[in-house]
Amino acid sequence: MRPILALALLLLAETPAAKPPDLPRAEVDPDNPVIWYNRAADYARKGDRKRALADLRQAADKGWKDVVPLQGDGAFAPLRQDPEFQQIVSKIH
């Protein structure tokens, strides 16, 4: 293995997986619903139901109005039958 590739893999392994990439943006622009939606999708992809739903609720509270991505985004597929997810979607309608 090339040394640069080995170093890159080592650095990736040390990157905390629990912190979504939009966390700093949410702190800077906490009223932006797109940031909360993206965080929710990131958490859903990681299987973190609780955080995904909490951030999706924040997106709705901050003004997210588009249910089409929620219905089509594969990240939310495991949550679509969840009553809490359905409640958030109905709030967006």
N, C-alpha and C. Protein backbone atom coordinates (compact mmCIF):
# COMPACT_ATOMS: atom_id res chain seq x y z
N MET A 1 0.85 -1.17 0.00
CA MET A 1 0.00 0.00 0.00
C MET A 1 0.90 1.23 0.00
N ARG A 2 0.48 2.21 -0.76
CA ARG A 2 1.24 3.46 -0.82
C ARG A 2 1.11 4.21 0.49
N PRO A 3 2.18 4.87 0.93
CA PRO A 3 2.14 5.58 2.21
C PRO A 3 1.05 6.65 2.28
N ILE A 4 0.81 7.38 1.20
CA ILE A 4 -0.20 8.44 1.22
C ILE A 4 -1.59 7.81 1.39
N LEU A 5 -1.85 6.73 0.69
CA LEU A 5 -3.13 6.06 0.81
C LEU A 5 -3.32 5.52 2.22
N ALA A 6 -2.27 4.93 2.78
CA ALA A 6 -2.34 4.41 4.15
C ALA A 6 -2.65 5.54 5.14
N LEU A 7 -2.01 6.68 4.96
CA LEU A 7 -2.24 7.82 5.84
C LEU A 7 -3.69 8.32 5.70
N ALA A 8 -4.17 8.40 4.48
CA ALA A 8 -5.55 8.85 4.25
C ALA A 8 -6.54 7.91 4.92
N LEU A 9 -6.32 6.61 4.78
CA LEU A 9 -7.21 5.65 5.42
C LEU A 9 -7.16 5.76 6.94
N LEU A 10 -5.98 5.98 7.47
CA LEU A 10 -5.83 6.15 8.91
C LEU A 10 -6.59 7.38 9.39
N LEU A 11 -6.47 8.48 8.68
CA LEU A 11 -7.17 9.71 9.06
C LEU A 11 -8.68 9.54 8.96
N LEU A 12 -9.15 8.85 7.93
CA LEU A 12 -10.58 8.61 7.81
C LEU A 12 -11.10 7.76 8.95
N ALA A 13 -10.32 6.81 9.38
CA ALA A 13 -10.74 5.93 10.48
C ALA A 13 -10.87 6.70 11.79
N GLU A 14 -10.15 7.79 11.93
CA GLU A 14 -10.19 8.57 13.16
C GLU A 14 -11.24 9.68 13.13
N THR A 15 -11.93 9.83 12.00
CA THR A 15 -12.96 10.86 11.89
C THR A 15 -14.19 10.43 12.66
N PRO A 16 -14.71 11.25 13.56
CA PRO A 16 -15.90 10.85 14.31
C PRO A 16 -17.10 10.72 13.39
N ALA A 17 -17.74 9.56 13.40
CA ALA A 17 -18.86 9.30 12.51
C ALA A 17 -20.18 9.86 13.05
N ALA A 18 -20.25 10.13 14.33
CA ALA A 18 -21.51 10.54 14.94
C ALA A 18 -21.86 12.00 14.67
N LYS A 19 -20.89 12.78 14.26
CA LYS A 19 -21.13 14.22 14.06
C LYS A 19 -21.42 14.48 12.58
N PRO A 20 -22.66 14.86 12.24
CA PRO A 20 -22.96 15.11 10.84
C PRO A 20 -22.25 16.35 10.33
N PRO A 21 -22.01 16.41 9.01
CA PRO A 21 -21.26 17.54 8.47
C PRO A 21 -21.95 18.88 8.62
N ASP A 22 -23.27 18.90 8.79
CA ASP A 22 -23.98 20.17 8.90
C ASP A 22 -24.03 20.72 10.32
N LEU A 23 -23.45 20.05 11.28
CA LEU A 23 -23.52 20.53 12.66
C LEU A 23 -22.99 21.95 12.79
N PRO A 24 -21.80 22.27 12.28
CA PRO A 24 -21.34 23.66 12.43
C PRO A 24 -22.27 24.66 11.73
N ARG A 25 -22.82 24.29 10.58
CA ARG A 25 -23.73 25.20 9.88
C ARG A 25 -25.01 25.42 10.68
N ALA A 26 -25.49 24.37 11.36
CA ALA A 26 -26.70 24.52 12.18
C ALA A 26 -26.45 25.47 13.34
N GLU A 27 -25.23 25.48 13.83
CA GLU A 27 -24.90 26.39 14.92
C GLU A 27 -24.81 27.83 14.42
N VAL A 28 -24.36 28.02 13.18
CA VAL A 28 -24.21 29.35 12.61
C VAL A 28 -25.55 29.88 12.10
N ASP A 29 -26.36 28.98 11.49
CA ASP A 29 -27.63 29.40 10.89
C ASP A 29 -28.75 28.47 11.39
N PRO A 30 -29.10 28.57 12.67
CA PRO A 30 -30.04 27.61 13.26
C PRO A 30 -31.47 27.70 12.74
N ASP A 31 -31.80 28.74 12.00
CA ASP A 31 -33.16 28.88 11.47
C ASP A 31 -33.30 28.39 10.03
N ASN A 32 -32.26 27.82 9.48
CA ASN A 32 -32.29 27.35 8.10
C ASN A 32 -32.82 25.91 8.05
N PRO A 33 -34.03 25.69 7.52
CA PRO A 33 -34.61 24.35 7.52
C PRO A 33 -33.85 23.34 6.66
N VAL A 34 -33.16 23.82 5.63
CA VAL A 34 -32.40 22.92 4.75
C VAL A 34 -31.29 22.23 5.53
N ILE A 35 -30.63 22.98 6.38
CA ILE A 35 -29.56 22.40 7.20
C ILE A 35 -30.12 21.32 8.10
N TRP A 36 -31.26 21.56 8.73
CA TRP A 36 -31.86 20.56 9.62
C TRP A 36 -32.31 19.34 8.84
N TYR A 37 -32.85 19.55 7.63
CA TYR A 37 -33.25 18.42 6.79
C TYR A 37 -32.04 17.56 6.45
N ASN A 38 -30.95 18.21 6.02
CA ASN A 38 -29.73 17.47 5.66
C ASN A 38 -29.17 16.70 6.84
N ARG A 39 -29.19 17.31 8.01
CA ARG A 39 -28.73 16.60 9.21
C ARG A 39 -29.62 15.38 9.48
N ALA A 40 -30.93 15.56 9.34
CA ALA A 40 -31.86 14.45 9.57
C ALA A 40 -31.56 13.31 8.60
N ALA A 41 -31.32 13.65 7.34
CA ALA A 41 -31.00 12.62 6.35
C ALA A 41 -29.69 11.91 6.69
N ASP A 42 -28.69 12.68 7.13
CA ASP A 42 -27.41 12.07 7.53
C ASP A 42 -27.60 11.09 8.68
N TYR A 43 -28.35 11.50 9.69
CA TYR A 43 -28.59 10.61 10.82
C TYR A 43 -29.41 9.40 10.41
N ALA A 44 -30.39 9.59 9.54
CA ALA A 44 -31.20 8.46 9.07
C ALA A 44 -30.33 7.45 8.33
N ARG A 45 -29.42 7.93 7.50
CA ARG A 45 -28.50 7.03 6.77
C ARG A 45 -27.62 6.23 7.74
N LYS A 46 -27.31 6.83 8.86
CA LYS A 46 -26.46 6.16 9.86
C LYS A 46 -27.28 5.26 10.78
N GLY A 47 -28.60 5.27 10.62
CA GLY A 47 -29.45 4.42 11.45
C GLY A 47 -29.79 5.02 12.80
N ASP A 48 -29.56 6.30 12.98
CA ASP A 48 -29.85 6.97 14.24
C ASP A 48 -31.25 7.58 14.18
N ARG A 49 -32.25 6.75 14.44
CA ARG A 49 -33.65 7.13 14.33
C ARG A 49 -33.98 8.35 15.19
N LYS A 50 -33.55 8.31 16.44
CA LYS A 50 -33.89 9.37 17.38
C LYS A 50 -33.40 10.74 16.90
N ARG A 51 -32.14 10.82 16.51
CA ARG A 51 -31.58 12.11 16.05
C ARG A 51 -32.17 12.52 14.70
N ALA A 52 -32.40 11.54 13.82
CA ALA A 52 -32.99 11.85 12.52
C ALA A 52 -34.36 12.50 12.70
N LEU A 53 -35.18 11.91 13.55
CA LEU A 53 -36.52 12.46 13.76
C LEU A 53 -36.48 13.81 14.48
N ALA A 54 -35.57 13.96 15.41
CA ALA A 54 -35.44 15.25 16.12
C ALA A 54 -35.05 16.36 15.15
N ASP A 55 -34.09 16.07 14.26
CA ASP A 55 -33.66 17.09 13.31
C ASP A 55 -34.70 17.33 12.23
N LEU A 56 -35.43 16.29 11.85
CA LEU A 56 -36.51 16.47 10.88
C LEU A 56 -37.62 17.33 11.48
N ARG A 57 -37.89 17.15 12.75
CA ARG A 57 -38.87 17.99 13.44
C ARG A 57 -38.38 19.45 13.45
N GLN A 58 -37.09 19.64 13.69
CA GLN A 58 -36.53 21.00 13.65
C GLN A 58 -36.70 21.61 12.26
N ALA A 59 -36.45 20.80 11.21
CA ALA A 59 -36.61 21.30 9.84
C ALA A 59 -38.05 21.77 9.63
N ALA A 60 -39.01 20.97 10.08
CA ALA A 60 -40.43 21.34 9.94
C ALA A 60 -40.73 22.60 10.74
N ASP A 61 -40.22 22.66 11.96
CA ASP A 61 -40.46 23.84 12.81
C ASP A 61 -39.85 25.11 12.22
N LYS A 62 -38.74 24.95 11.49
CA LYS A 62 -38.05 26.10 10.91
C LYS A 62 -38.60 26.49 9.54
N GLY A 63 -39.60 25.72 9.04
CA GLY A 63 -40.23 26.12 7.79
C GLY A 63 -40.11 25.17 6.62
N TRP A 64 -39.57 23.97 6.82
CA TRP A 64 -39.49 23.00 5.71
C TRP A 64 -40.91 22.67 5.27
N LYS A 65 -41.22 22.85 3.98
CA LYS A 65 -42.59 22.67 3.48
C LYS A 65 -42.70 21.64 2.36
N ASP A 66 -41.64 20.98 1.98
CA ASP A 66 -41.64 20.11 0.81
C ASP A 66 -41.65 18.63 1.23
N VAL A 67 -42.79 17.96 1.04
CA VAL A 67 -42.87 16.55 1.43
C VAL A 67 -42.32 15.61 0.36
N VAL A 68 -42.17 16.09 -0.87
CA VAL A 68 -41.69 15.23 -1.95
C VAL A 68 -40.32 14.62 -1.63
N PRO A 69 -39.34 15.40 -1.18
CA PRO A 69 -38.07 14.78 -0.83
C PRO A 69 -38.19 13.75 0.30
N LEU A 70 -39.07 14.02 1.25
CA LEU A 70 -39.26 13.07 2.35
C LEU A 70 -39.79 11.74 1.85
N GLN A 71 -40.62 11.79 0.83
CA GLN A 71 -41.20 10.58 0.28
C GLN A 71 -40.24 9.87 -0.66
N GLY A 72 -39.31 10.61 -1.28
CA GLY A 72 -38.41 10.01 -2.25
C GLY A 72 -36.99 9.78 -1.79
N ASP A 73 -36.57 10.44 -0.74
CA ASP A 73 -35.19 10.32 -0.24
C ASP A 73 -35.01 8.96 0.42
N GLY A 74 -34.13 8.16 -0.15
CA GLY A 74 -33.88 6.81 0.36
C GLY A 74 -33.39 6.78 1.80
N ALA A 75 -32.82 7.88 2.25
CA ALA A 75 -32.33 7.93 3.64
C ALA A 75 -33.47 7.73 4.63
N PHE A 76 -34.66 8.19 4.26
CA PHE A 76 -35.79 8.11 5.17
C PHE A 76 -36.64 6.85 4.99
N ALA A 77 -36.27 5.98 4.06
CA ALA A 77 -37.05 4.76 3.81
C ALA A 77 -37.31 3.95 5.08
N PRO A 78 -36.31 3.74 5.93
CA PRO A 78 -36.57 2.95 7.14
C PRO A 78 -37.50 3.64 8.15
N LEU A 79 -37.70 4.94 7.99
CA LEU A 79 -38.52 5.68 8.95
C LEU A 79 -39.96 5.92 8.47
N ARG A 80 -40.24 5.64 7.22
CA ARG A 80 -41.54 6.02 6.65
C ARG A 80 -42.73 5.38 7.34
N GLN A 81 -42.56 4.22 7.93
CA GLN A 81 -43.67 3.57 8.63
C GLN A 81 -43.74 3.96 10.10
N ASP A 82 -42.76 4.72 10.55
CA ASP A 82 -42.69 5.15 11.94
C ASP A 82 -43.78 6.19 12.21
N PRO A 83 -44.61 6.01 13.23
CA PRO A 83 -45.67 6.97 13.52
C PRO A 83 -45.15 8.40 13.76
N GLU A 84 -44.00 8.51 14.37
CA GLU A 84 -43.43 9.85 14.62
C GLU A 84 -43.05 10.53 13.30
N PHE A 85 -42.46 9.77 12.38
CA PHE A 85 -42.12 10.29 11.06
C PHE A 85 -43.39 10.74 10.34
N GLN A 86 -44.41 9.91 10.38
CA GLN A 86 -45.68 10.23 9.72
C GLN A 86 -46.32 11.48 10.32
N GLN A 87 -46.16 11.66 11.62
CA GLN A 87 -46.70 12.86 12.29
C GLN A 87 -45.97 14.11 11.78
N ILE A 88 -44.66 14.02 11.63
CA ILE A 88 -43.88 15.16 11.13
C ILE A 88 -44.29 15.48 9.70
N VAL A 89 -44.45 14.45 8.87
CA VAL A 89 -44.86 14.65 7.48
C VAL A 89 -46.23 15.31 7.42
N SER A 90 -47.14 14.87 8.27
CA SER A 90 -48.49 15.47 8.26
C SER A 90 -48.44 16.93 8.70
N LYS A 91 -47.49 17.27 9.57
CA LYS A 91 -47.33 18.66 9.99
C LYS A 91 -46.83 19.53 8.84
N ILE A 92 -46.00 18.95 7.98
CA ILE A 92 -45.45 19.68 6.84
C ILE A 92 -46.51 19.94 5.78
N HIS A 93 -47.43 18.99 5.62
CA HIS A 93 -48.52 19.15 4.62
C HIS A 93 -49.27 20.37 4.87
